[in-house]
N, C-alpha and C. Protein backbone atom coordinates (compact mmCIF):
# COMPACT_ATOMS: atom_id res chain seq x y z
N MET A 1 40.34 23.59 -2.24
CA MET A 1 38.59 22.94 -2.52
C MET A 1 38.87 21.40 -2.24
N ASP A 2 37.77 20.84 -1.20
CA ASP A 2 37.72 19.32 -0.69
C ASP A 2 37.72 18.69 -2.05
N ARG A 3 38.04 17.55 -1.74
CA ARG A 3 37.95 16.48 -2.70
C ARG A 3 36.31 16.37 -3.14
N LEU A 4 36.03 16.45 -4.32
CA LEU A 4 34.63 16.40 -5.11
C LEU A 4 34.26 14.91 -5.53
N LEU A 5 33.75 13.95 -4.70
CA LEU A 5 33.47 12.68 -5.11
C LEU A 5 31.98 12.58 -5.68
N GLU A 6 31.38 13.58 -5.22
CA GLU A 6 29.97 13.19 -5.65
C GLU A 6 29.24 14.76 -5.93
N PRO A 7 28.69 14.70 -7.43
CA PRO A 7 28.39 16.18 -7.93
C PRO A 7 26.93 16.36 -7.27
N GLU A 8 26.38 15.66 -6.69
CA GLU A 8 25.25 15.72 -6.18
C GLU A 8 25.14 16.44 -4.70
N ARG A 9 26.33 16.35 -4.11
CA ARG A 9 26.53 16.96 -2.94
C ARG A 9 26.61 18.73 -3.31
N LEU A 10 26.71 19.23 -4.37
CA LEU A 10 26.88 20.47 -4.73
C LEU A 10 25.61 21.35 -4.84
N ARG A 11 24.53 20.20 -4.85
CA ARG A 11 23.23 20.77 -5.03
C ARG A 11 23.10 21.80 -4.03
N HIS A 12 23.62 21.36 -2.72
CA HIS A 12 23.11 22.40 -1.56
C HIS A 12 24.34 23.41 -1.40
N GLU A 13 25.00 23.55 -1.85
CA GLU A 13 25.99 24.72 -2.09
C GLU A 13 25.78 25.89 -3.03
N ASP A 14 26.46 26.78 -3.20
CA ASP A 14 26.28 27.92 -3.52
C ASP A 14 26.80 28.04 -5.30
N ILE A 15 26.49 27.10 -5.94
CA ILE A 15 26.85 26.12 -7.00
C ILE A 15 25.36 26.31 -7.98
N GLU A 16 25.59 26.86 -8.93
CA GLU A 16 24.13 26.73 -9.82
C GLU A 16 24.13 25.00 -10.29
N PHE A 17 23.14 24.78 -10.24
CA PHE A 17 22.53 23.10 -10.50
C PHE A 17 21.58 23.09 -11.38
N SER A 18 21.83 22.57 -12.68
CA SER A 18 20.54 22.32 -13.36
C SER A 18 20.43 20.78 -13.69
N GLU A 19 19.02 20.20 -13.94
CA GLU A 19 18.52 19.22 -13.91
C GLU A 19 17.85 19.10 -15.19
N GLU A 20 17.78 17.99 -16.11
CA GLU A 20 16.98 17.50 -16.99
C GLU A 20 16.58 15.97 -16.69
N SER A 21 15.50 15.79 -17.30
CA SER A 21 15.07 14.26 -17.32
C SER A 21 14.46 13.79 -18.57
N HIS A 22 15.05 12.98 -18.95
CA HIS A 22 14.26 12.45 -20.41
C HIS A 22 13.88 10.94 -20.48
N THR A 23 12.55 10.95 -21.15
CA THR A 23 11.98 9.53 -21.26
C THR A 23 12.55 8.81 -22.87
N ILE A 24 13.18 7.87 -22.56
CA ILE A 24 13.70 6.97 -23.94
C ILE A 24 13.06 5.85 -23.92
N LYS A 25 13.12 5.45 -25.11
CA LYS A 25 12.81 3.90 -25.74
C LYS A 25 13.66 2.88 -24.96
N ALA A 26 13.05 1.87 -24.50
CA ALA A 26 13.78 0.67 -23.87
C ALA A 26 14.94 0.15 -24.79
N ASP A 27 14.82 0.30 -26.07
CA ASP A 27 16.02 -0.22 -26.81
C ASP A 27 17.03 0.62 -27.03
N GLU A 28 16.93 1.92 -26.71
CA GLU A 28 17.94 3.08 -26.66
C GLU A 28 18.67 3.11 -25.33
N PHE A 29 18.27 2.35 -24.23
CA PHE A 29 18.67 2.61 -22.83
C PHE A 29 20.37 2.33 -22.83
N ASP A 30 20.86 1.21 -23.43
CA ASP A 30 22.19 0.47 -23.53
C ASP A 30 23.10 1.72 -23.91
N GLU A 31 22.62 2.61 -25.23
CA GLU A 31 23.41 3.67 -25.43
C GLU A 31 23.46 4.48 -24.58
N TYR A 32 22.35 5.06 -23.91
CA TYR A 32 22.59 6.15 -22.94
C TYR A 32 22.98 5.91 -21.62
N GLU A 33 22.97 4.65 -21.23
CA GLU A 33 23.84 4.40 -20.15
C GLU A 33 25.36 4.20 -20.28
N SER A 34 25.77 4.19 -21.54
CA SER A 34 27.23 4.27 -21.75
C SER A 34 27.93 5.71 -21.70
N LEU A 35 27.03 6.63 -21.84
CA LEU A 35 27.57 8.08 -21.90
C LEU A 35 28.20 8.27 -20.39
N ASP A 36 29.25 9.03 -20.66
CA ASP A 36 30.28 9.47 -19.63
C ASP A 36 29.53 10.69 -19.03
N SER A 37 30.01 10.72 -17.83
CA SER A 37 29.99 12.00 -16.86
C SER A 37 31.48 12.67 -17.34
N HIS A 38 31.30 13.81 -17.28
CA HIS A 38 32.55 14.96 -17.64
C HIS A 38 32.85 16.10 -16.36
N ALA A 39 34.00 16.25 -16.72
CA ALA A 39 34.66 17.51 -15.72
C ALA A 39 35.25 18.40 -16.84
N VAL A 40 34.35 19.47 -16.63
CA VAL A 40 34.81 20.66 -17.86
C VAL A 40 35.44 21.61 -17.27
N VAL A 41 36.38 22.21 -18.23
CA VAL A 41 37.23 23.32 -17.28
C VAL A 41 37.18 24.58 -18.28
N GLY A 42 36.78 25.63 -17.34
CA GLY A 42 36.65 26.91 -18.13
C GLY A 42 38.03 27.80 -17.70
N LEU A 43 39.12 27.84 -18.51
CA LEU A 43 40.37 28.52 -18.52
C LEU A 43 40.34 29.95 -19.58
N THR A 44 40.52 30.94 -18.79
CA THR A 44 40.65 32.00 -19.26
C THR A 44 42.22 32.63 -19.30
N ASN A 45 42.47 33.48 -20.33
CA ASN A 45 43.65 34.27 -20.10
C ASN A 45 43.90 35.74 -19.93
N ASP A 46 45.03 36.40 -19.92
CA ASP A 46 44.99 37.97 -19.54
C ASP A 46 44.47 38.31 -20.96
N ARG A 47 44.18 37.87 -22.04
CA ARG A 47 43.53 38.78 -23.32
C ARG A 47 42.08 38.46 -23.31
N GLY A 48 41.42 37.90 -22.23
CA GLY A 48 40.26 37.69 -22.69
C GLY A 48 39.67 36.54 -23.26
N GLU A 49 40.69 35.58 -23.76
CA GLU A 49 40.24 34.45 -24.29
C GLU A 49 39.88 33.07 -23.60
N VAL A 50 39.33 32.32 -24.21
CA VAL A 50 39.05 31.09 -23.58
C VAL A 50 39.63 29.89 -24.39
N LEU A 51 40.11 28.84 -23.63
CA LEU A 51 40.72 27.85 -24.26
C LEU A 51 39.72 26.63 -24.70
N LEU A 52 39.44 26.57 -25.75
CA LEU A 52 38.66 25.29 -26.49
C LEU A 52 39.68 24.05 -27.27
N GLN A 53 38.90 23.11 -26.92
CA GLN A 53 39.35 21.86 -27.50
C GLN A 53 38.81 21.32 -28.69
N ASN A 54 38.75 20.74 -29.78
CA ASN A 54 38.23 20.11 -30.36
C ASN A 54 38.58 18.45 -30.82
N ASP A 55 37.61 17.73 -30.28
CA ASP A 55 37.90 16.31 -30.29
C ASP A 55 37.64 15.56 -31.07
N GLY A 56 37.21 16.37 -32.52
CA GLY A 56 36.78 15.70 -33.53
C GLY A 56 35.21 15.15 -33.71
N SER A 57 34.77 15.25 -32.77
CA SER A 57 33.23 14.74 -32.55
C SER A 57 32.25 15.74 -32.11
N HIS A 58 32.58 17.02 -31.37
CA HIS A 58 31.59 17.80 -30.73
C HIS A 58 32.00 19.13 -31.31
N GLY A 59 32.83 19.61 -32.35
CA GLY A 59 33.52 20.67 -32.64
C GLY A 59 34.32 21.40 -31.36
N TRP A 60 34.10 22.73 -31.47
CA TRP A 60 35.20 23.38 -30.36
C TRP A 60 34.08 23.75 -29.04
N THR A 61 34.57 23.05 -28.06
CA THR A 61 34.08 23.10 -26.50
C THR A 61 35.07 23.28 -25.52
N LEU A 62 34.71 23.91 -24.28
CA LEU A 62 35.53 23.87 -23.32
C LEU A 62 35.95 22.36 -22.96
N PRO A 63 37.38 22.42 -22.66
CA PRO A 63 37.92 21.03 -22.51
C PRO A 63 37.30 20.29 -21.55
N ALA A 64 36.82 19.15 -22.03
CA ALA A 64 36.05 17.95 -20.86
C ALA A 64 36.67 16.68 -20.96
N PHE A 65 36.87 16.18 -19.96
CA PHE A 65 37.32 15.01 -19.42
C PHE A 65 36.49 13.94 -18.60
N ALA A 66 36.63 12.60 -19.36
CA ALA A 66 35.52 11.56 -18.72
C ALA A 66 35.98 11.30 -17.55
N VAL A 67 35.01 11.29 -16.49
CA VAL A 67 34.98 10.75 -15.03
C VAL A 67 34.27 9.53 -14.94
N SER A 68 34.93 8.54 -14.43
CA SER A 68 34.26 7.10 -14.40
C SER A 68 33.99 7.11 -12.54
N PRO A 69 32.81 6.46 -12.44
CA PRO A 69 32.46 6.20 -10.71
C PRO A 69 33.54 6.18 -9.97
N GLY A 70 33.51 6.95 -9.09
CA GLY A 70 34.76 6.62 -7.65
C GLY A 70 35.94 7.74 -8.14
N ASP A 71 36.15 8.26 -9.53
CA ASP A 71 36.97 9.31 -9.67
C ASP A 71 36.81 10.42 -8.86
N ASP A 72 37.81 10.91 -8.54
CA ASP A 72 38.06 12.41 -7.83
C ASP A 72 37.98 13.19 -9.11
N TRP A 73 36.71 14.00 -9.24
CA TRP A 73 36.36 15.05 -10.32
C TRP A 73 37.43 16.17 -10.54
N GLN A 74 37.83 16.54 -9.34
CA GLN A 74 38.63 17.58 -9.45
C GLN A 74 40.25 17.34 -9.79
N SER A 75 40.50 16.05 -9.68
CA SER A 75 41.72 15.21 -10.17
C SER A 75 41.88 15.07 -11.43
N VAL A 76 40.58 14.47 -12.01
CA VAL A 76 40.48 14.26 -13.27
C VAL A 76 40.30 15.76 -14.19
N ALA A 77 40.12 16.80 -13.53
CA ALA A 77 39.75 18.18 -14.44
C ALA A 77 41.15 18.38 -14.53
N GLN A 78 42.09 18.38 -13.27
CA GLN A 78 43.40 19.02 -13.06
C GLN A 78 43.88 18.52 -14.21
N VAL A 79 44.50 17.14 -13.89
CA VAL A 79 45.26 16.11 -14.84
C VAL A 79 45.00 16.38 -16.35
N GLY A 80 43.66 16.52 -16.60
CA GLY A 80 43.39 16.84 -17.97
C GLY A 80 43.75 17.93 -18.41
N ILE A 81 43.33 19.35 -17.64
CA ILE A 81 43.68 20.60 -18.08
C ILE A 81 45.17 20.57 -18.28
N ASP A 82 45.92 20.14 -17.47
CA ASP A 82 47.55 19.95 -17.43
C ASP A 82 47.87 19.37 -18.82
N SER A 83 47.06 18.35 -19.01
CA SER A 83 47.78 17.67 -20.21
C SER A 83 47.66 18.51 -21.94
N LEU A 84 46.68 19.79 -21.30
CA LEU A 84 46.45 20.57 -22.80
C LEU A 84 47.22 21.86 -22.49
N THR A 85 47.54 22.23 -21.45
CA THR A 85 48.56 23.55 -21.19
C THR A 85 49.92 23.40 -20.83
N GLY A 86 49.99 22.19 -20.57
CA GLY A 86 51.49 21.77 -20.05
C GLY A 86 51.88 22.33 -18.36
N GLY A 87 50.76 22.01 -17.99
CA GLY A 87 50.64 22.19 -16.42
C GLY A 87 50.50 23.52 -16.12
N SER A 88 50.16 24.53 -16.87
CA SER A 88 50.15 25.95 -16.19
C SER A 88 48.90 26.35 -15.85
N ALA A 89 47.87 25.46 -15.69
CA ALA A 89 46.52 26.05 -15.01
C ALA A 89 46.29 25.59 -13.75
N GLU A 90 45.54 26.29 -12.91
CA GLU A 90 45.38 25.85 -11.41
C GLU A 90 43.94 25.83 -11.48
N LEU A 91 43.16 24.66 -10.83
CA LEU A 91 41.70 24.99 -10.72
C LEU A 91 41.35 25.75 -9.67
N ASP A 92 40.21 26.38 -9.82
CA ASP A 92 39.62 27.18 -8.97
C ASP A 92 38.38 26.69 -8.04
N THR A 93 36.98 26.89 -8.57
CA THR A 93 35.95 26.44 -8.09
C THR A 93 35.12 25.56 -9.16
N PRO A 94 34.07 24.95 -8.83
CA PRO A 94 32.87 24.55 -9.74
C PRO A 94 32.06 25.65 -9.90
N GLU A 95 31.69 25.80 -11.22
CA GLU A 95 31.03 26.95 -11.37
C GLU A 95 29.02 26.34 -11.69
N LEU A 96 29.15 25.13 -11.96
CA LEU A 96 28.02 24.63 -12.49
C LEU A 96 27.96 23.14 -12.48
N VAL A 97 26.72 22.69 -12.05
CA VAL A 97 26.27 21.13 -12.04
C VAL A 97 25.51 21.03 -13.15
N ARG A 98 25.63 20.10 -14.18
CA ARG A 98 24.53 19.98 -15.01
C ARG A 98 23.91 18.26 -14.85
N ARG A 99 22.78 18.04 -14.45
CA ARG A 99 22.58 16.54 -14.20
C ARG A 99 21.33 16.26 -15.18
N VAL A 100 21.73 15.08 -15.78
CA VAL A 100 20.75 14.91 -17.04
C VAL A 100 20.52 13.24 -16.48
N GLU A 101 18.87 13.07 -16.54
CA GLU A 101 18.66 11.89 -16.08
C GLU A 101 18.00 11.19 -17.69
N TYR A 102 18.13 9.84 -17.89
CA TYR A 102 17.23 9.05 -18.94
C TYR A 102 16.87 7.93 -18.49
N ARG A 103 15.49 7.72 -18.70
CA ARG A 103 14.94 6.72 -18.09
C ARG A 103 13.82 5.94 -19.31
N THR A 104 13.42 4.60 -18.80
CA THR A 104 12.62 4.02 -19.18
C THR A 104 11.65 3.61 -18.43
N ARG A 105 10.63 3.04 -19.05
CA ARG A 105 9.72 2.53 -17.52
C ARG A 105 10.56 1.59 -16.46
N ASP A 106 11.38 0.80 -16.78
CA ASP A 106 12.05 -0.04 -15.75
C ASP A 106 13.40 0.38 -15.71
N ASP A 107 14.15 1.18 -16.27
CA ASP A 107 15.50 1.64 -15.98
C ASP A 107 15.72 2.99 -16.06
N GLN A 108 16.86 3.46 -15.41
CA GLN A 108 17.23 4.86 -15.17
C GLN A 108 18.58 4.90 -15.08
N THR A 109 19.29 5.83 -16.00
CA THR A 109 20.56 6.26 -15.21
C THR A 109 20.90 7.87 -15.40
N THR A 110 21.78 7.97 -14.95
CA THR A 110 22.16 9.76 -14.73
C THR A 110 23.69 9.95 -15.07
N MET A 111 23.89 11.04 -15.76
CA MET A 111 24.71 11.46 -16.39
C MET A 111 25.20 12.86 -15.66
N TYR A 112 26.63 13.54 -15.14
CA TYR A 112 26.65 14.50 -14.65
C TYR A 112 27.51 15.13 -15.79
N THR A 113 27.61 16.65 -15.60
CA THR A 113 28.41 17.54 -15.85
C THR A 113 29.10 18.29 -15.13
N VAL A 114 30.39 18.69 -14.57
CA VAL A 114 30.55 19.30 -13.50
C VAL A 114 31.54 20.40 -14.46
N VAL A 115 31.14 21.65 -14.47
CA VAL A 115 31.99 22.91 -14.91
C VAL A 115 32.96 23.50 -13.91
N PHE A 116 34.32 23.30 -13.96
CA PHE A 116 35.35 24.16 -13.03
C PHE A 116 35.69 25.49 -13.78
N ARG A 117 35.84 26.69 -12.92
CA ARG A 117 36.36 27.50 -13.28
C ARG A 117 38.07 27.36 -13.21
N ALA A 118 39.01 27.73 -13.80
CA ALA A 118 40.23 27.83 -13.45
C ALA A 118 40.69 29.30 -13.42
N VAL A 119 42.02 29.36 -12.52
CA VAL A 119 42.43 30.85 -12.23
C VAL A 119 43.01 30.99 -13.71
N PRO A 120 42.90 32.29 -14.27
CA PRO A 120 43.40 32.88 -15.32
C PRO A 120 44.67 32.94 -15.53
N VAL A 121 45.41 32.64 -16.70
CA VAL A 121 46.59 32.40 -16.97
C VAL A 121 47.41 33.57 -17.82
N GLU A 122 48.59 33.72 -18.03
CA GLU A 122 49.20 34.93 -18.78
C GLU A 122 49.50 34.13 -20.12
N GLY A 123 48.96 34.76 -20.92
CA GLY A 123 49.67 34.21 -22.44
C GLY A 123 48.73 33.00 -23.03
N ARG A 124 49.23 32.39 -23.76
CA ARG A 124 48.16 31.29 -24.22
C ARG A 124 49.18 29.83 -24.27
N PRO A 125 49.27 29.51 -23.02
CA PRO A 125 49.77 27.96 -22.96
C PRO A 125 49.00 26.96 -23.51
N VAL A 126 49.97 26.19 -23.91
CA VAL A 126 49.85 24.91 -24.76
C VAL A 126 50.81 23.74 -24.70
N SER A 127 50.39 22.82 -24.50
CA SER A 127 51.43 21.79 -24.12
C SER A 127 52.25 21.30 -25.15
N ASP A 128 53.62 20.85 -25.15
CA ASP A 128 54.08 20.45 -26.25
C ASP A 128 53.56 19.78 -26.90
N GLU A 129 52.84 18.52 -26.44
CA GLU A 129 51.85 17.46 -27.16
C GLU A 129 50.94 17.76 -28.08
N MET A 130 50.63 19.01 -27.44
CA MET A 130 49.10 19.67 -28.22
C MET A 130 49.73 20.51 -29.53
N ARG A 131 50.94 21.44 -29.24
CA ARG A 131 51.58 21.82 -29.96
C ARG A 131 52.05 20.83 -31.48
N GLU A 132 52.42 19.78 -31.00
CA GLU A 132 52.69 18.72 -32.06
C GLU A 132 51.75 17.96 -32.84
N GLU A 133 50.23 18.31 -32.35
CA GLU A 133 49.35 17.87 -32.67
C GLU A 133 49.12 16.56 -32.86
N ARG A 134 49.50 15.53 -31.91
CA ARG A 134 49.47 14.57 -32.17
C ARG A 134 47.91 14.04 -31.59
N GLY A 135 47.26 12.94 -32.20
CA GLY A 135 46.03 12.56 -31.74
C GLY A 135 45.07 13.38 -32.49
N THR A 136 43.82 12.96 -32.00
CA THR A 136 42.58 13.45 -32.81
C THR A 136 42.22 14.90 -32.24
N THR A 137 42.78 15.22 -30.83
CA THR A 137 42.47 16.46 -30.04
C THR A 137 43.51 17.85 -30.54
N SER A 138 42.54 18.85 -30.87
CA SER A 138 43.30 20.20 -31.39
C SER A 138 42.86 21.01 -29.89
N VAL A 139 43.61 22.08 -29.74
CA VAL A 139 43.35 23.18 -28.81
C VAL A 139 43.73 24.68 -29.49
N GLU A 140 42.73 25.55 -29.23
CA GLU A 140 42.77 26.88 -29.52
C GLU A 140 42.63 27.68 -28.33
N TRP A 141 42.97 29.11 -28.22
CA TRP A 141 42.64 30.06 -27.76
C TRP A 141 41.74 31.25 -28.21
N ARG A 142 40.31 31.34 -27.88
CA ARG A 142 39.35 32.03 -28.66
C ARG A 142 38.95 33.02 -28.05
N ASP A 143 38.23 34.27 -28.54
CA ASP A 143 37.79 35.26 -27.84
C ASP A 143 36.47 35.36 -28.21
N GLU A 144 35.95 34.45 -28.83
CA GLU A 144 34.11 34.38 -28.98
C GLU A 144 33.72 33.04 -29.05
N VAL A 145 32.33 33.13 -28.98
CA VAL A 145 31.95 31.20 -28.97
C VAL A 145 32.01 31.18 -30.53
N PRO A 146 32.06 29.94 -30.91
CA PRO A 146 32.31 29.46 -32.17
C PRO A 146 30.82 29.46 -32.87
N SER A 147 30.46 30.03 -34.00
CA SER A 147 29.50 30.03 -34.66
C SER A 147 28.76 28.83 -34.80
N ASP A 148 29.43 27.82 -34.81
CA ASP A 148 28.36 26.29 -34.97
C ASP A 148 28.07 25.83 -33.97
N GLN A 149 28.36 26.35 -32.60
CA GLN A 149 27.78 26.15 -31.31
C GLN A 149 26.57 26.43 -30.97
N ARG A 150 25.92 25.60 -30.09
CA ARG A 150 24.64 26.15 -29.45
C ARG A 150 24.15 25.45 -28.32
N GLY A 151 23.30 25.66 -27.82
CA GLY A 151 22.81 25.04 -26.59
C GLY A 151 23.74 25.02 -25.44
N PRO A 152 23.56 24.53 -24.51
CA PRO A 152 24.16 24.34 -23.37
C PRO A 152 26.02 24.47 -23.86
N VAL A 153 26.55 23.64 -24.92
CA VAL A 153 28.05 24.03 -24.93
C VAL A 153 28.55 25.47 -25.20
N ALA A 154 27.36 26.32 -25.98
CA ALA A 154 27.88 27.81 -26.17
C ALA A 154 27.25 28.64 -24.91
N ALA A 155 26.76 28.30 -24.13
CA ALA A 155 26.44 29.01 -22.84
C ALA A 155 27.75 28.65 -21.84
N ASP A 156 28.04 27.45 -21.89
CA ASP A 156 29.28 27.17 -21.19
C ASP A 156 30.44 28.12 -21.77
N ILE A 157 30.63 28.01 -22.78
CA ILE A 157 31.68 28.81 -23.29
C ILE A 157 31.55 30.24 -22.86
N ARG A 158 30.48 30.88 -23.47
CA ARG A 158 29.99 32.20 -22.72
C ARG A 158 30.08 32.74 -21.62
N ARG A 159 29.85 31.52 -20.69
CA ARG A 159 30.23 31.98 -19.19
C ARG A 159 31.44 32.44 -18.97
N PHE A 160 32.49 32.03 -19.62
CA PHE A 160 34.02 32.69 -19.29
C PHE A 160 34.32 33.68 -20.24
N LEU A 161 33.73 34.04 -21.11
CA LEU A 161 33.99 35.03 -21.99
C LEU A 161 33.31 36.38 -21.53
N ASP A 162 32.23 36.32 -20.61
CA ASP A 162 31.43 37.74 -20.31
C ASP A 162 32.36 38.13 -19.00
């Protein structure tokens, strides 16, 4: 896969591309402007399970890694998933780009989520760091969407379980 510097260029490739636009109040702009874009990884195993993470604030989700302007999206996703699995995962292709624009009368900011598919793995690989449960992030292999997830997060998980 070529270096993915700009999610916008995937709009014209054979990848699902969704867009949302929200008008927000001017006094909320700084909060929305600080939102991170994310590289998300859907990793399944030979048992039909998907790897989920819980960072303590969003419940169980597909692993997601903050991407800063100028970062290589694929590299961020690969380094992130390696940190959770101990390096046993290999990225395949982007599956979905979600573009969300927030705007006021005078300002606008855009956040992207790029969901990557990873090559399925054998077993339930988890890095030693994750086994020791250091920090606030936990990981689990699951065969269903967590009951408390809704909307795009649940749809992203379901994409890899179906």
